[in-house]
């Protein structure tokens, strides 16, 4: 490319174009091939960085250009010493004690497992602690519930037995004269 004919801004040459493959639109063609430039200027090459403070304009006046970057692949390293997730404890308390508290504990257990997998130790620590607390509260509520239920059943049987004894003592069948 001839330096005399290269585009400039304020006397400064623009940054050279990147030699990466062009960024494509949803149609599979570079946008400059879909809509040719009608402004008399060369079409903006996609993927080229803009000069600071410069607004990139598309093929048509007023059309802005959005440069799409390639996604960055980030690999996560699991924790070497994962925190306990209390998943089995949560399932047990959910099924045997109190369903709402057990469900909440199960959610915290699963998020603890995810945080351990992705290496987020502070999140794993917080969720593990919350799962343990919810499971302990759930067991306490479950024990209290079962104690109240057993006490109620015993009192009902005692009341039935007392009513039967009272009936047998006071209401004897009439055998006639």
N, C-alpha and C. Protein backbone atom coordinates (compact mmCIF):
# COMPACT_ATOMS: atom_id res chain seq x y z
N UNK A 1 0.85 -1.16 0.00
CA UNK A 1 0.00 0.00 0.00
C UNK A 1 0.89 1.23 0.00
N UNK A 2 0.57 2.19 -0.82
CA UNK A 2 1.35 3.40 -0.97
C UNK A 2 1.10 4.32 0.23
N UNK A 3 2.17 4.78 0.93
CA UNK A 3 1.97 5.64 2.10
C UNK A 3 1.29 6.95 1.73
N UNK A 4 1.44 7.43 0.48
CA UNK A 4 0.81 8.69 0.10
C UNK A 4 -0.71 8.54 0.04
N UNK A 5 -1.17 7.36 -0.33
CA UNK A 5 -2.61 7.13 -0.47
C UNK A 5 -3.23 6.52 0.79
N UNK A 6 -2.44 6.28 1.82
CA UNK A 6 -2.99 5.65 3.01
C UNK A 6 -3.86 6.65 3.76
N UNK A 7 -4.93 6.17 4.39
CA UNK A 7 -5.81 7.08 5.12
C UNK A 7 -5.10 7.67 6.33
N UNK A 8 -5.31 8.93 6.55
CA UNK A 8 -4.69 9.61 7.68
C UNK A 8 -5.76 10.36 8.44
N UNK A 9 -5.44 10.67 9.67
CA UNK A 9 -6.32 11.49 10.50
C UNK A 9 -5.45 12.51 11.21
N UNK A 10 -5.65 13.77 10.91
CA UNK A 10 -4.85 14.82 11.53
C UNK A 10 -3.39 14.70 11.20
N UNK A 11 -3.05 14.21 10.02
CA UNK A 11 -1.66 14.09 9.63
C UNK A 11 -1.01 12.81 10.14
N UNK A 12 -1.68 12.08 11.04
CA UNK A 12 -1.12 10.84 11.58
C UNK A 12 -1.70 9.66 10.79
N UNK A 13 -0.86 8.72 10.36
CA UNK A 13 -1.41 7.55 9.67
C UNK A 13 -2.20 6.70 10.66
N UNK A 14 -3.26 6.10 10.15
CA UNK A 14 -4.06 5.21 10.98
C UNK A 14 -3.28 3.94 11.28
N UNK A 15 -3.70 3.23 12.30
CA UNK A 15 -3.02 2.00 12.68
C UNK A 15 -3.17 0.98 11.55
N UNK A 16 -2.17 0.14 11.35
CA UNK A 16 -2.28 -0.86 10.27
C UNK A 16 -3.39 -1.85 10.59
N UNK A 17 -3.96 -2.40 9.54
CA UNK A 17 -5.03 -3.37 9.70
C UNK A 17 -4.48 -4.68 10.21
N UNK A 18 -5.30 -5.35 11.03
CA UNK A 18 -4.90 -6.66 11.53
C UNK A 18 -5.02 -7.67 10.41
N UNK A 19 -4.17 -8.67 10.43
CA UNK A 19 -4.19 -9.68 9.39
C UNK A 19 -5.01 -10.90 9.80
N UNK A 20 -5.78 -10.80 10.92
CA UNK A 20 -6.64 -11.91 11.32
C UNK A 20 -7.74 -12.06 10.28
N UNK A 21 -8.38 -13.20 10.25
CA UNK A 21 -9.51 -13.37 9.33
C UNK A 21 -10.57 -12.32 9.66
N UNK A 22 -11.29 -11.85 8.65
CA UNK A 22 -12.28 -10.81 8.91
C UNK A 22 -13.43 -11.35 9.76
N UNK A 23 -14.03 -10.46 10.53
CA UNK A 23 -15.18 -10.82 11.35
C UNK A 23 -16.39 -10.86 10.42
N UNK A 24 -17.19 -11.91 10.48
CA UNK A 24 -18.28 -12.09 9.56
C UNK A 24 -19.61 -11.78 10.20
N UNK A 25 -20.55 -11.37 9.37
CA UNK A 25 -21.90 -11.10 9.85
C UNK A 25 -22.67 -12.42 9.90
N UNK A 26 -23.95 -12.33 10.21
CA UNK A 26 -24.76 -13.54 10.30
C UNK A 26 -24.99 -14.18 8.94
N UNK A 27 -24.70 -13.45 7.84
CA UNK A 27 -24.89 -14.00 6.51
C UNK A 27 -23.68 -14.79 6.03
N UNK A 28 -22.56 -14.69 6.70
CA UNK A 28 -21.38 -15.44 6.33
C UNK A 28 -20.42 -14.67 5.45
N UNK A 29 -20.72 -13.42 5.12
CA UNK A 29 -19.85 -12.61 4.31
C UNK A 29 -19.39 -11.41 5.11
N UNK A 30 -18.19 -10.89 4.79
CA UNK A 30 -17.81 -9.65 5.45
C UNK A 30 -18.82 -8.56 5.10
N UNK A 31 -19.16 -7.68 6.05
CA UNK A 31 -20.18 -6.67 5.80
C UNK A 31 -19.87 -5.79 4.60
N UNK A 32 -18.60 -5.55 4.26
CA UNK A 32 -18.29 -4.69 3.13
C UNK A 32 -18.68 -5.36 1.81
N UNK A 33 -18.80 -6.70 1.77
CA UNK A 33 -19.23 -7.37 0.56
C UNK A 33 -20.75 -7.39 0.44
N UNK A 34 -21.45 -7.32 1.57
CA UNK A 34 -22.90 -7.31 1.53
C UNK A 34 -23.41 -5.94 1.10
N UNK A 35 -22.91 -4.91 1.76
CA UNK A 35 -23.32 -3.55 1.47
C UNK A 35 -22.09 -2.76 1.02
N UNK A 36 -21.89 -2.59 -0.25
CA UNK A 36 -20.72 -1.85 -0.69
C UNK A 36 -20.83 -0.39 -0.27
N UNK A 37 -19.69 0.25 -0.15
CA UNK A 37 -19.65 1.63 0.29
C UNK A 37 -20.23 2.54 -0.78
N UNK A 38 -21.12 3.43 -0.36
CA UNK A 38 -21.71 4.40 -1.29
C UNK A 38 -21.23 5.81 -1.01
N UNK A 39 -20.40 5.94 0.01
CA UNK A 39 -19.98 7.29 0.39
C UNK A 39 -18.75 7.75 -0.37
N UNK A 40 -18.18 6.94 -1.23
CA UNK A 40 -16.99 7.33 -1.96
C UNK A 40 -15.71 7.05 -1.20
N UNK A 41 -15.83 6.70 0.09
CA UNK A 41 -14.66 6.37 0.89
C UNK A 41 -14.50 4.86 0.92
N UNK A 42 -13.29 4.38 1.15
CA UNK A 42 -13.15 2.93 1.28
C UNK A 42 -13.88 2.45 2.53
N UNK A 43 -14.46 1.26 2.44
CA UNK A 43 -15.18 0.70 3.58
C UNK A 43 -14.21 0.42 4.72
N UNK A 44 -14.68 0.61 5.94
CA UNK A 44 -13.89 0.34 7.14
C UNK A 44 -13.61 -1.15 7.22
N UNK A 45 -12.38 -1.50 7.40
CA UNK A 45 -12.04 -2.90 7.55
C UNK A 45 -12.35 -3.33 8.97
N UNK A 46 -13.09 -4.42 9.11
CA UNK A 46 -13.50 -4.89 10.43
C UNK A 46 -12.34 -5.56 11.13
N UNK A 47 -12.30 -5.35 12.43
CA UNK A 47 -11.24 -5.92 13.23
C UNK A 47 -10.10 -4.95 13.42
N UNK A 48 -10.08 -3.83 12.72
CA UNK A 48 -9.02 -2.86 12.88
C UNK A 48 -9.35 -1.96 14.06
N UNK A 49 -8.39 -1.71 14.92
CA UNK A 49 -8.67 -0.83 16.05
C UNK A 49 -8.83 0.61 15.58
N UNK A 50 -9.73 1.32 16.21
CA UNK A 50 -9.95 2.73 15.87
C UNK A 50 -9.00 3.59 16.68
N UNK A 51 -8.67 4.71 16.12
CA UNK A 51 -7.83 5.66 16.85
C UNK A 51 -8.62 6.20 18.03
N UNK A 52 -7.95 6.56 19.11
CA UNK A 52 -8.67 7.07 20.28
C UNK A 52 -9.48 8.31 19.90
N UNK A 53 -10.74 8.34 20.33
CA UNK A 53 -11.59 9.48 20.07
C UNK A 53 -12.21 9.48 18.69
N UNK A 54 -11.95 8.47 17.89
CA UNK A 54 -12.49 8.42 16.54
C UNK A 54 -13.73 7.52 16.52
N UNK A 55 -14.75 7.99 15.87
CA UNK A 55 -16.00 7.23 15.74
C UNK A 55 -15.94 6.46 14.43
N UNK A 56 -16.12 5.16 14.50
CA UNK A 56 -16.08 4.34 13.30
C UNK A 56 -17.46 4.39 12.67
N UNK A 57 -17.51 4.71 11.40
CA UNK A 57 -18.77 4.77 10.69
C UNK A 57 -18.83 3.65 9.68
N UNK A 58 -20.03 3.11 9.51
CA UNK A 58 -20.21 2.00 8.60
C UNK A 58 -20.32 2.45 7.16
N UNK A 59 -20.87 1.59 6.33
CA UNK A 59 -20.97 1.83 4.90
C UNK A 59 -21.91 2.98 4.59
N UNK A 60 -22.94 3.16 5.40
CA UNK A 60 -23.92 4.21 5.16
C UNK A 60 -23.73 5.31 6.19
N UNK A 61 -24.04 6.54 5.84
CA UNK A 61 -23.92 7.64 6.82
C UNK A 61 -24.82 7.38 8.02
N UNK A 62 -24.28 7.57 9.20
CA UNK A 62 -25.02 7.36 10.44
C UNK A 62 -25.02 5.93 10.93
N UNK A 63 -24.47 5.02 10.16
CA UNK A 63 -24.43 3.62 10.56
C UNK A 63 -23.16 3.39 11.36
N UNK A 64 -23.30 2.88 12.57
CA UNK A 64 -22.12 2.60 13.38
C UNK A 64 -21.73 1.14 13.19
N UNK A 65 -20.48 0.87 13.42
CA UNK A 65 -19.94 -0.46 13.21
C UNK A 65 -19.66 -1.08 14.57
N UNK A 66 -20.07 -2.31 14.74
CA UNK A 66 -19.79 -3.04 15.96
C UNK A 66 -18.79 -4.12 15.62
N UNK A 67 -17.66 -4.08 16.27
CA UNK A 67 -16.63 -5.09 16.05
C UNK A 67 -16.85 -6.21 17.04
N UNK A 68 -16.95 -7.42 16.54
CA UNK A 68 -17.17 -8.59 17.39
C UNK A 68 -15.84 -9.26 17.61
N UNK A 69 -15.52 -9.48 18.87
CA UNK A 69 -14.27 -10.15 19.22
C UNK A 69 -14.51 -11.64 19.42
N UNK A 70 -13.48 -12.38 19.26
CA UNK A 70 -13.57 -13.81 19.51
C UNK A 70 -13.73 -14.04 21.00
N UNK A 71 -14.49 -15.09 21.38
CA UNK A 71 -14.64 -15.37 22.82
C UNK A 71 -13.32 -15.84 23.42
N UNK A 72 -13.14 -15.51 24.67
CA UNK A 72 -11.94 -15.91 25.39
C UNK A 72 -12.26 -17.19 26.15
N UNK A 73 -11.49 -18.21 25.93
CA UNK A 73 -11.69 -19.46 26.65
C UNK A 73 -10.92 -19.39 27.96
N UNK A 74 -11.66 -19.54 29.05
CA UNK A 74 -11.06 -19.50 30.37
C UNK A 74 -11.20 -20.88 30.99
N UNK A 75 -10.10 -21.42 31.41
CA UNK A 75 -10.16 -22.72 32.07
C UNK A 75 -10.12 -22.49 33.58
N UNK A 76 -10.92 -23.27 34.29
CA UNK A 76 -11.00 -23.14 35.73
C UNK A 76 -10.23 -24.28 36.37
N UNK A 77 -9.62 -23.98 37.48
CA UNK A 77 -8.88 -24.98 38.23
C UNK A 77 -9.67 -25.32 39.48
N UNK A 78 -10.08 -26.58 39.65
CA UNK A 78 -10.81 -26.94 40.86
C UNK A 78 -9.94 -26.73 42.09
N UNK A 79 -10.60 -26.52 43.23
CA UNK A 79 -9.86 -26.34 44.47
C UNK A 79 -9.13 -27.63 44.83
N UNK A 80 -7.93 -27.48 45.35
CA UNK A 80 -7.17 -28.67 45.75
C UNK A 80 -7.76 -29.28 47.01
N UNK A 81 -8.26 -28.45 47.91
CA UNK A 81 -8.93 -28.93 49.12
C UNK A 81 -10.37 -28.42 49.09
N UNK A 82 -11.26 -29.12 48.39
CA UNK A 82 -12.63 -28.61 48.29
C UNK A 82 -13.34 -28.64 49.63
N UNK A 83 -14.19 -27.67 49.83
CA UNK A 83 -14.97 -27.62 51.06
C UNK A 83 -16.13 -28.60 50.96
N UNK A 84 -16.61 -29.12 52.10
CA UNK A 84 -17.71 -30.08 52.05
C UNK A 84 -18.98 -29.43 51.54
N UNK A 85 -19.72 -30.16 50.73
CA UNK A 85 -20.93 -29.57 50.15
C UNK A 85 -22.21 -30.06 50.84
N UNK A 86 -22.15 -31.07 51.69
CA UNK A 86 -23.28 -31.57 52.46
C UNK A 86 -24.46 -31.96 51.56
N UNK A 87 -24.19 -32.50 50.40
CA UNK A 87 -25.27 -32.83 49.46
C UNK A 87 -26.15 -33.96 49.98
N UNK A 88 -25.55 -35.05 50.47
CA UNK A 88 -26.35 -36.18 50.99
C UNK A 88 -27.14 -35.76 52.22
N UNK A 89 -26.52 -34.98 53.09
CA UNK A 89 -27.19 -34.46 54.28
C UNK A 89 -28.39 -33.61 53.88
N UNK A 90 -28.24 -32.80 52.84
CA UNK A 90 -29.33 -31.95 52.37
C UNK A 90 -30.47 -32.77 51.81
N UNK A 91 -30.14 -33.80 51.03
CA UNK A 91 -31.19 -34.65 50.47
C UNK A 91 -31.94 -35.38 51.58
N UNK A 92 -31.20 -35.88 52.58
CA UNK A 92 -31.83 -36.57 53.71
C UNK A 92 -32.77 -35.63 54.46
N UNK A 93 -32.30 -34.43 54.80
CA UNK A 93 -33.14 -33.51 55.56
C UNK A 93 -34.32 -33.03 54.74
N UNK A 94 -34.15 -32.90 53.43
CA UNK A 94 -35.26 -32.48 52.58
C UNK A 94 -36.36 -33.54 52.57
N UNK A 95 -35.98 -34.81 52.49
CA UNK A 95 -36.97 -35.87 52.41
C UNK A 95 -37.55 -36.25 53.77
N UNK A 96 -36.78 -36.15 54.84
CA UNK A 96 -37.22 -36.67 56.13
C UNK A 96 -37.65 -35.61 57.13
N UNK A 97 -37.24 -34.39 56.96
CA UNK A 97 -37.52 -33.40 58.01
C UNK A 97 -38.50 -32.33 57.53
N UNK A 98 -38.02 -31.39 56.78
CA UNK A 98 -38.83 -30.25 56.37
C UNK A 98 -38.47 -29.92 54.92
N UNK A 99 -39.43 -30.04 54.04
CA UNK A 99 -39.17 -29.88 52.61
C UNK A 99 -38.65 -28.48 52.23
N UNK A 100 -39.24 -27.38 52.71
CA UNK A 100 -38.74 -26.06 52.28
C UNK A 100 -37.30 -25.79 52.73
N UNK A 101 -36.98 -26.07 53.99
CA UNK A 101 -35.61 -25.84 54.45
C UNK A 101 -34.64 -26.80 53.78
N UNK A 102 -35.07 -28.02 53.55
CA UNK A 102 -34.22 -28.99 52.86
C UNK A 102 -33.95 -28.58 51.43
N UNK A 103 -34.95 -27.99 50.77
CA UNK A 103 -34.74 -27.52 49.39
C UNK A 103 -33.73 -26.38 49.36
N UNK A 104 -33.83 -25.46 50.31
CA UNK A 104 -32.87 -24.35 50.36
C UNK A 104 -31.46 -24.88 50.64
N UNK A 105 -31.35 -25.84 51.55
CA UNK A 105 -30.04 -26.43 51.85
C UNK A 105 -29.49 -27.16 50.62
N UNK A 106 -30.36 -27.81 49.86
CA UNK A 106 -29.93 -28.50 48.65
C UNK A 106 -29.39 -27.52 47.62
N UNK A 107 -30.03 -26.38 47.48
CA UNK A 107 -29.55 -25.36 46.54
C UNK A 107 -28.17 -24.86 46.96
N UNK A 108 -27.98 -24.58 48.24
CA UNK A 108 -26.66 -24.14 48.71
C UNK A 108 -25.62 -25.23 48.55
N UNK A 109 -26.01 -26.49 48.73
CA UNK A 109 -25.05 -27.59 48.53
C UNK A 109 -24.60 -27.67 47.08
N UNK A 110 -25.54 -27.52 46.16
CA UNK A 110 -25.18 -27.59 44.74
C UNK A 110 -24.31 -26.41 44.34
N UNK A 111 -24.60 -25.20 44.85
CA UNK A 111 -23.75 -24.05 44.52
C UNK A 111 -22.37 -24.19 45.16
N UNK A 112 -22.29 -24.86 46.30
CA UNK A 112 -20.97 -25.13 46.89
C UNK A 112 -20.17 -26.06 45.99
N UNK A 113 -20.83 -27.07 45.47
CA UNK A 113 -20.15 -28.02 44.58
C UNK A 113 -19.67 -27.30 43.31
N UNK A 114 -20.50 -26.41 42.76
CA UNK A 114 -20.10 -25.64 41.57
C UNK A 114 -18.92 -24.72 41.88
N UNK A 115 -18.96 -24.04 43.04
CA UNK A 115 -17.87 -23.15 43.41
C UNK A 115 -16.57 -23.93 43.62
N UNK A 116 -16.66 -25.13 44.19
CA UNK A 116 -15.47 -25.97 44.33
C UNK A 116 -14.91 -26.35 42.97
N UNK A 117 -15.81 -26.64 42.02
CA UNK A 117 -15.38 -27.04 40.69
C UNK A 117 -14.68 -25.90 39.96
N UNK A 118 -15.20 -24.68 40.11
CA UNK A 118 -14.65 -23.54 39.39
C UNK A 118 -13.55 -22.82 40.16
N UNK A 119 -13.23 -23.28 41.36
CA UNK A 119 -12.12 -22.71 42.11
C UNK A 119 -12.42 -21.43 42.86
N UNK A 120 -13.68 -21.15 43.15
CA UNK A 120 -14.06 -19.94 43.89
C UNK A 120 -14.18 -20.29 45.38
N UNK A 121 -13.07 -20.18 46.09
CA UNK A 121 -13.05 -20.61 47.49
C UNK A 121 -13.93 -19.76 48.40
N UNK A 122 -13.95 -18.41 48.29
CA UNK A 122 -14.81 -17.64 49.20
C UNK A 122 -16.29 -17.97 49.02
N UNK A 123 -16.71 -18.16 47.79
CA UNK A 123 -18.12 -18.50 47.54
C UNK A 123 -18.40 -19.90 48.06
N UNK A 124 -17.48 -20.82 47.84
CA UNK A 124 -17.67 -22.19 48.33
C UNK A 124 -17.74 -22.22 49.85
N UNK A 125 -16.90 -21.43 50.51
CA UNK A 125 -16.90 -21.39 51.98
C UNK A 125 -18.23 -20.87 52.50
N UNK A 126 -18.72 -19.78 51.91
CA UNK A 126 -19.98 -19.17 52.36
C UNK A 126 -21.16 -20.12 52.12
N UNK A 127 -21.22 -20.73 50.95
CA UNK A 127 -22.34 -21.62 50.64
C UNK A 127 -22.28 -22.91 51.44
N UNK A 128 -21.09 -23.42 51.70
CA UNK A 128 -20.95 -24.62 52.51
C UNK A 128 -21.43 -24.37 53.93
N UNK A 129 -21.05 -23.23 54.48
CA UNK A 129 -21.48 -22.86 55.83
C UNK A 129 -23.00 -22.72 55.89
N UNK A 130 -23.59 -22.07 54.89
CA UNK A 130 -25.03 -21.87 54.87
C UNK A 130 -25.77 -23.21 54.72
N UNK A 131 -25.24 -24.10 53.90
CA UNK A 131 -25.87 -25.42 53.74
C UNK A 131 -25.83 -26.19 55.06
N UNK A 132 -24.70 -26.12 55.76
CA UNK A 132 -24.59 -26.81 57.05
C UNK A 132 -25.57 -26.24 58.07
N UNK A 133 -25.66 -24.91 58.14
CA UNK A 133 -26.58 -24.27 59.10
C UNK A 133 -28.02 -24.65 58.77
N UNK A 134 -28.40 -24.57 57.50
CA UNK A 134 -29.77 -24.92 57.12
C UNK A 134 -30.07 -26.39 57.41
N UNK A 135 -29.11 -27.26 57.21
CA UNK A 135 -29.33 -28.68 57.50
C UNK A 135 -29.50 -28.91 58.99
N UNK A 136 -28.69 -28.25 59.82
CA UNK A 136 -28.84 -28.40 61.27
C UNK A 136 -30.19 -27.86 61.75
N UNK A 137 -30.59 -26.71 61.24
CA UNK A 137 -31.90 -26.15 61.60
C UNK A 137 -33.01 -27.08 61.13
N UNK A 138 -32.84 -27.64 59.95
CA UNK A 138 -33.82 -28.55 59.40
C UNK A 138 -33.96 -29.80 60.27
N UNK A 139 -32.86 -30.34 60.74
CA UNK A 139 -32.92 -31.51 61.63
C UNK A 139 -33.62 -31.14 62.93
N UNK A 140 -33.32 -29.97 63.49
CA UNK A 140 -33.98 -29.54 64.73
C UNK A 140 -35.48 -29.38 64.51
N UNK A 141 -35.88 -28.77 63.41
CA UNK A 141 -37.31 -28.62 63.10
C UNK A 141 -37.94 -29.99 62.90
N UNK A 142 -37.26 -30.89 62.23
CA UNK A 142 -37.78 -32.24 62.01
C UNK A 142 -37.96 -32.99 63.31
N UNK A 143 -36.98 -32.92 64.20
CA UNK A 143 -37.10 -33.60 65.50
C UNK A 143 -38.26 -33.01 66.29
N UNK A 144 -38.36 -31.70 66.29
CA UNK A 144 -39.47 -31.04 66.99
C UNK A 144 -40.82 -31.46 66.40
N UNK A 145 -40.90 -31.51 65.10
CA UNK A 145 -42.14 -31.93 64.43
C UNK A 145 -42.51 -33.36 64.80
N UNK A 146 -41.54 -34.28 64.78
CA UNK A 146 -41.83 -35.66 65.11
C UNK A 146 -42.19 -35.83 66.59
N UNK A 147 -41.55 -35.06 67.47
CA UNK A 147 -41.90 -35.13 68.89
C UNK A 147 -43.33 -34.64 69.11
N UNK A 148 -43.72 -33.57 68.46
CA UNK A 148 -45.10 -33.05 68.59
C UNK A 148 -46.08 -34.07 68.03
N UNK A 149 -45.76 -34.68 66.90
CA UNK A 149 -46.66 -35.67 66.29
C UNK A 149 -46.82 -36.88 67.18
N UNK A 150 -45.75 -37.42 67.72
CA UNK A 150 -45.83 -38.60 68.59
C UNK A 150 -46.60 -38.25 69.86
N UNK A 151 -46.35 -37.08 70.44
CA UNK A 151 -47.08 -36.66 71.64
C UNK A 151 -48.57 -36.54 71.35
N UNK A 152 -48.91 -35.98 70.21
CA UNK A 152 -50.32 -35.83 69.83
C UNK A 152 -50.99 -37.19 69.66
N UNK A 153 -50.31 -38.13 69.01
CA UNK A 153 -50.88 -39.46 68.81
C UNK A 153 -51.07 -40.16 70.16
N UNK A 154 -50.12 -40.05 71.06
CA UNK A 154 -50.24 -40.67 72.40
C UNK A 154 -51.42 -40.06 73.14
N UNK A 155 -51.55 -38.74 73.09
CA UNK A 155 -52.68 -38.08 73.77
C UNK A 155 -54.02 -38.49 73.18
N UNK A 156 -54.09 -38.67 71.89
CA UNK A 156 -55.33 -39.12 71.26
C UNK A 156 -55.67 -40.53 71.72
N UNK A 157 -54.71 -41.44 71.79
CA UNK A 157 -54.98 -42.79 72.27
C UNK A 157 -55.41 -42.79 73.73
N UNK A 158 -54.79 -41.96 74.55
CA UNK A 158 -55.18 -41.86 75.96
C UNK A 158 -56.61 -41.34 76.07
N UNK A 159 -56.94 -40.33 75.26
CA UNK A 159 -58.30 -39.79 75.30
C UNK A 159 -59.32 -40.83 74.86
N UNK A 160 -59.00 -41.62 73.83
CA UNK A 160 -59.92 -42.67 73.38
C UNK A 160 -60.09 -43.73 74.46
N UNK A 161 -59.00 -44.11 75.13
CA UNK A 161 -59.09 -45.12 76.20
C UNK A 161 -59.91 -44.59 77.36
N UNK A 162 -59.72 -43.34 77.75
CA UNK A 162 -60.48 -42.76 78.85
C UNK A 162 -61.96 -42.67 78.49
N UNK A 163 -62.27 -42.33 77.25
CA UNK A 163 -63.67 -42.25 76.83
C UNK A 163 -64.30 -43.63 76.86
N UNK A 164 -63.60 -44.65 76.45
CA UNK A 164 -64.13 -46.02 76.46
C UNK A 164 -64.39 -46.48 77.90
N UNK A 165 -63.43 -46.20 78.81
CA UNK A 165 -63.62 -46.58 80.21
C UNK A 165 -64.80 -45.83 80.82
N UNK A 166 -64.94 -44.58 80.54
CA UNK A 166 -66.04 -43.78 81.07
C UNK A 166 -67.36 -44.33 80.56
N UNK A 167 -67.43 -44.68 79.30
CA UNK A 167 -68.65 -45.23 78.71
C UNK A 167 -69.00 -46.57 79.35
N UNK A 168 -68.00 -47.43 79.57
CA UNK A 168 -68.24 -48.75 80.15
C UNK A 168 -68.70 -48.63 81.60
N UNK A 169 -68.21 -47.64 82.35
CA UNK A 169 -68.62 -47.49 83.75
C UNK A 169 -70.01 -46.87 83.88
N UNK A 170 -70.36 -45.93 83.09
CA UNK A 170 -71.58 -45.17 83.29
C UNK A 170 -72.74 -45.62 82.42
N UNK A 171 -72.50 -46.24 81.37
CA UNK A 171 -73.58 -46.63 80.48
C UNK A 171 -73.58 -48.13 80.27
N UNK A 172 -74.23 -48.79 81.20
CA UNK A 172 -74.35 -50.25 81.07
C UNK A 172 -75.64 -50.55 80.33
N UNK A 173 -75.60 -51.52 79.50
CA UNK A 173 -76.81 -51.83 78.75
C UNK A 173 -77.95 -52.28 79.66
N UNK A 174 -79.11 -51.92 79.32
CA UNK A 174 -80.30 -52.30 80.09
C UNK A 174 -80.72 -53.72 79.70
N UNK A 175 -80.74 -54.60 80.69
CA UNK A 175 -81.07 -55.98 80.41
C UNK A 175 -82.58 -56.27 80.59
N UNK A 176 -83.30 -55.30 81.03
CA UNK A 176 -84.75 -55.50 81.22
C UNK A 176 -85.09 -56.04 82.60
N UNK A 177 -86.45 -56.08 82.96
CA UNK A 177 -86.87 -56.55 84.31
C UNK A 177 -86.83 -58.03 84.48
